[in-house]
N, C-alpha and C. Protein backbone atom coordinates (compact mmCIF):
# COMPACT_ATOMS: atom_id res chain seq x y z
N MET A 1 -7.24 44.35 91.49
CA MET A 1 -6.88 43.26 90.63
C MET A 1 -5.86 43.72 89.60
N GLY A 2 -5.26 42.76 88.98
CA GLY A 2 -4.29 43.06 87.96
C GLY A 2 -2.89 43.05 88.50
N GLY A 3 -1.99 43.16 87.61
CA GLY A 3 -0.59 43.17 88.01
C GLY A 3 0.26 42.56 86.93
N LEU A 4 1.48 42.30 87.31
CA LEU A 4 2.44 41.76 86.37
C LEU A 4 3.40 40.87 87.13
N GLY A 5 3.63 39.70 86.60
CA GLY A 5 4.55 38.76 87.24
C GLY A 5 5.47 38.15 86.20
N GLY A 6 6.50 37.52 86.70
CA GLY A 6 7.44 36.86 85.81
C GLY A 6 8.55 36.22 86.60
N GLU A 7 9.63 35.94 85.90
CA GLU A 7 10.78 35.33 86.56
C GLU A 7 12.07 35.84 85.96
N VAL A 8 13.11 35.76 86.77
CA VAL A 8 14.46 36.12 86.36
C VAL A 8 15.31 34.88 86.55
N ARG A 9 16.17 34.59 85.58
CA ARG A 9 17.07 33.44 85.66
C ARG A 9 18.51 33.90 85.54
N ALA A 10 19.37 33.29 86.34
CA ALA A 10 20.79 33.61 86.31
C ALA A 10 21.59 32.43 86.89
N PRO A 11 22.89 32.40 86.62
CA PRO A 11 23.72 31.30 87.11
C PRO A 11 23.87 31.26 88.64
N THR A 12 23.78 32.42 89.30
CA THR A 12 23.92 32.47 90.76
C THR A 12 22.78 33.27 91.36
N GLN A 13 22.58 33.11 92.65
CA GLN A 13 21.54 33.88 93.33
C GLN A 13 21.86 35.37 93.31
N ASP A 14 23.13 35.70 93.52
CA ASP A 14 23.53 37.11 93.49
C ASP A 14 23.23 37.75 92.13
N GLU A 15 23.52 37.03 91.06
CA GLU A 15 23.26 37.56 89.72
C GLU A 15 21.77 37.69 89.44
N ALA A 16 20.98 36.74 89.93
CA ALA A 16 19.53 36.81 89.73
C ALA A 16 18.96 38.04 90.44
N TRP A 17 19.40 38.28 91.68
CA TRP A 17 18.93 39.45 92.42
C TRP A 17 19.36 40.74 91.73
N ALA A 18 20.62 40.80 91.31
CA ALA A 18 21.13 42.01 90.64
C ALA A 18 20.38 42.27 89.34
N LYS A 19 20.11 41.23 88.59
CA LYS A 19 19.37 41.37 87.34
C LYS A 19 17.95 41.86 87.60
N PHE A 20 17.32 41.31 88.63
CA PHE A 20 15.97 41.75 88.99
C PHE A 20 15.96 43.22 89.37
N GLU A 21 16.89 43.62 90.22
CA GLU A 21 16.95 45.01 90.69
C GLU A 21 17.26 45.98 89.56
N SER A 22 18.21 45.66 88.71
CA SER A 22 18.65 46.61 87.70
C SER A 22 17.81 46.60 86.43
N GLU A 23 17.34 45.45 86.02
CA GLU A 23 16.64 45.36 84.74
C GLU A 23 15.12 45.30 84.87
N ILE A 24 14.63 44.68 85.91
CA ILE A 24 13.19 44.45 86.02
C ILE A 24 12.50 45.48 86.92
N ARG A 25 12.91 45.53 88.16
CA ARG A 25 12.20 46.33 89.16
C ARG A 25 12.09 47.81 88.78
N ALA A 26 13.19 48.43 88.49
CA ALA A 26 13.17 49.86 88.16
C ALA A 26 12.30 50.14 86.95
N GLN A 27 12.42 49.30 85.95
CA GLN A 27 11.67 49.51 84.72
C GLN A 27 10.16 49.37 84.93
N ILE A 28 9.75 48.35 85.66
CA ILE A 28 8.31 48.14 85.87
C ILE A 28 7.72 49.22 86.77
N GLU A 29 8.43 49.58 87.82
CA GLU A 29 7.91 50.62 88.71
C GLU A 29 7.80 51.96 87.99
N GLU A 30 8.80 52.31 87.22
CA GLU A 30 8.78 53.59 86.50
C GLU A 30 7.82 53.57 85.32
N ARG A 31 7.90 52.55 84.53
CA ARG A 31 7.15 52.50 83.28
C ARG A 31 5.65 52.27 83.48
N PHE A 32 5.31 51.36 84.40
CA PHE A 32 3.91 50.99 84.57
C PHE A 32 3.29 51.51 85.86
N GLY A 33 4.11 52.07 86.75
CA GLY A 33 3.60 52.59 88.01
C GLY A 33 3.08 51.52 88.95
N LEU A 34 3.61 50.33 88.84
CA LEU A 34 3.19 49.22 89.70
C LEU A 34 4.08 49.14 90.92
N PHE A 35 3.59 48.47 91.94
CA PHE A 35 4.32 48.30 93.19
C PHE A 35 4.70 46.85 93.38
N LEU A 36 5.87 46.62 93.90
CA LEU A 36 6.37 45.27 94.12
C LEU A 36 5.61 44.60 95.26
N ASP A 37 5.07 43.41 94.97
CA ASP A 37 4.42 42.59 96.00
C ASP A 37 5.41 41.61 96.62
N ALA A 38 6.17 40.97 95.78
CA ALA A 38 7.11 39.96 96.26
C ALA A 38 8.19 39.72 95.22
N PRO A 39 9.39 39.57 95.61
CA PRO A 39 9.95 39.63 96.96
C PRO A 39 10.25 41.07 97.35
N LEU A 40 10.01 41.42 98.57
CA LEU A 40 10.20 42.80 99.02
C LEU A 40 11.64 43.10 99.43
N THR A 41 12.38 42.10 99.85
CA THR A 41 13.75 42.31 100.28
C THR A 41 14.67 41.28 99.63
N ARG A 42 15.95 41.55 99.70
CA ARG A 42 16.94 40.62 99.17
C ARG A 42 16.85 39.27 99.89
N GLU A 43 16.68 39.33 101.21
CA GLU A 43 16.58 38.11 102.00
C GLU A 43 15.37 37.27 101.58
N ALA A 44 14.25 37.94 101.36
CA ALA A 44 13.04 37.24 100.91
C ALA A 44 13.26 36.64 99.53
N ALA A 45 13.97 37.35 98.68
CA ALA A 45 14.25 36.85 97.33
C ALA A 45 15.10 35.58 97.39
N TYR A 46 16.10 35.58 98.25
CA TYR A 46 16.97 34.41 98.37
C TYR A 46 16.19 33.21 98.90
N ARG A 47 15.27 33.44 99.82
CA ARG A 47 14.46 32.33 100.34
C ARG A 47 13.51 31.80 99.28
N LYS A 48 13.06 32.68 98.40
CA LYS A 48 12.08 32.31 97.39
C LYS A 48 12.70 31.66 96.14
N MET A 49 13.97 31.95 95.89
CA MET A 49 14.62 31.41 94.69
C MET A 49 14.69 29.90 94.72
N TRP A 50 14.63 29.33 93.53
CA TRP A 50 14.77 27.89 93.41
C TRP A 50 15.71 27.56 92.27
N ARG A 51 16.32 26.41 92.36
CA ARG A 51 17.32 25.97 91.39
C ARG A 51 16.65 25.12 90.32
N ASP A 52 16.78 25.52 89.07
CA ASP A 52 16.29 24.75 87.94
C ASP A 52 17.44 23.85 87.48
N GLU A 53 17.35 22.59 87.82
CA GLU A 53 18.43 21.65 87.50
C GLU A 53 18.58 21.44 86.00
N GLU A 54 17.49 21.57 85.28
CA GLU A 54 17.53 21.35 83.82
C GLU A 54 18.37 22.42 83.12
N SER A 55 18.19 23.67 83.50
CA SER A 55 18.95 24.76 82.86
C SER A 55 20.15 25.18 83.70
N ASN A 56 20.28 24.60 84.89
CA ASN A 56 21.38 24.90 85.79
C ASN A 56 21.42 26.40 86.15
N SER A 57 20.23 26.95 86.44
CA SER A 57 20.16 28.36 86.80
C SER A 57 19.27 28.55 88.02
N TRP A 58 19.46 29.70 88.68
CA TRP A 58 18.61 30.09 89.79
C TRP A 58 17.44 30.89 89.23
N VAL A 59 16.26 30.66 89.76
CA VAL A 59 15.05 31.30 89.27
C VAL A 59 14.41 32.10 90.40
N LEU A 60 14.12 33.36 90.11
CA LEU A 60 13.43 34.23 91.05
C LEU A 60 12.11 34.65 90.43
N ASP A 61 11.02 34.23 91.07
CA ASP A 61 9.69 34.64 90.63
C ASP A 61 9.34 35.96 91.32
N TYR A 62 8.66 36.86 90.59
CA TYR A 62 8.29 38.15 91.16
C TYR A 62 6.87 38.51 90.75
N HIS A 63 6.29 39.45 91.50
CA HIS A 63 4.96 39.94 91.17
C HIS A 63 4.82 41.40 91.58
N PHE A 64 4.24 42.18 90.69
CA PHE A 64 3.93 43.59 90.93
C PHE A 64 2.42 43.78 90.81
N SER A 65 1.87 44.75 91.53
CA SER A 65 0.44 45.05 91.42
C SER A 65 0.22 46.56 91.50
N LYS A 66 -1.03 46.94 91.28
CA LYS A 66 -1.40 48.36 91.28
C LYS A 66 -1.48 48.92 92.66
């Protein structure tokens, strides 16, 4: 049990993925020793992303666990 989840927002899908990889993933894996549950690949991330029409941004939800 346990883990950490959240979301990344960016104007494009490419930027959301890049932001997740550079700012979120490395930091959580190194700092907390957690493992990525989802999305495991770039392709999976693109399928999972959704467009927030209100903020006009792409949203990528993620989850890490022990």
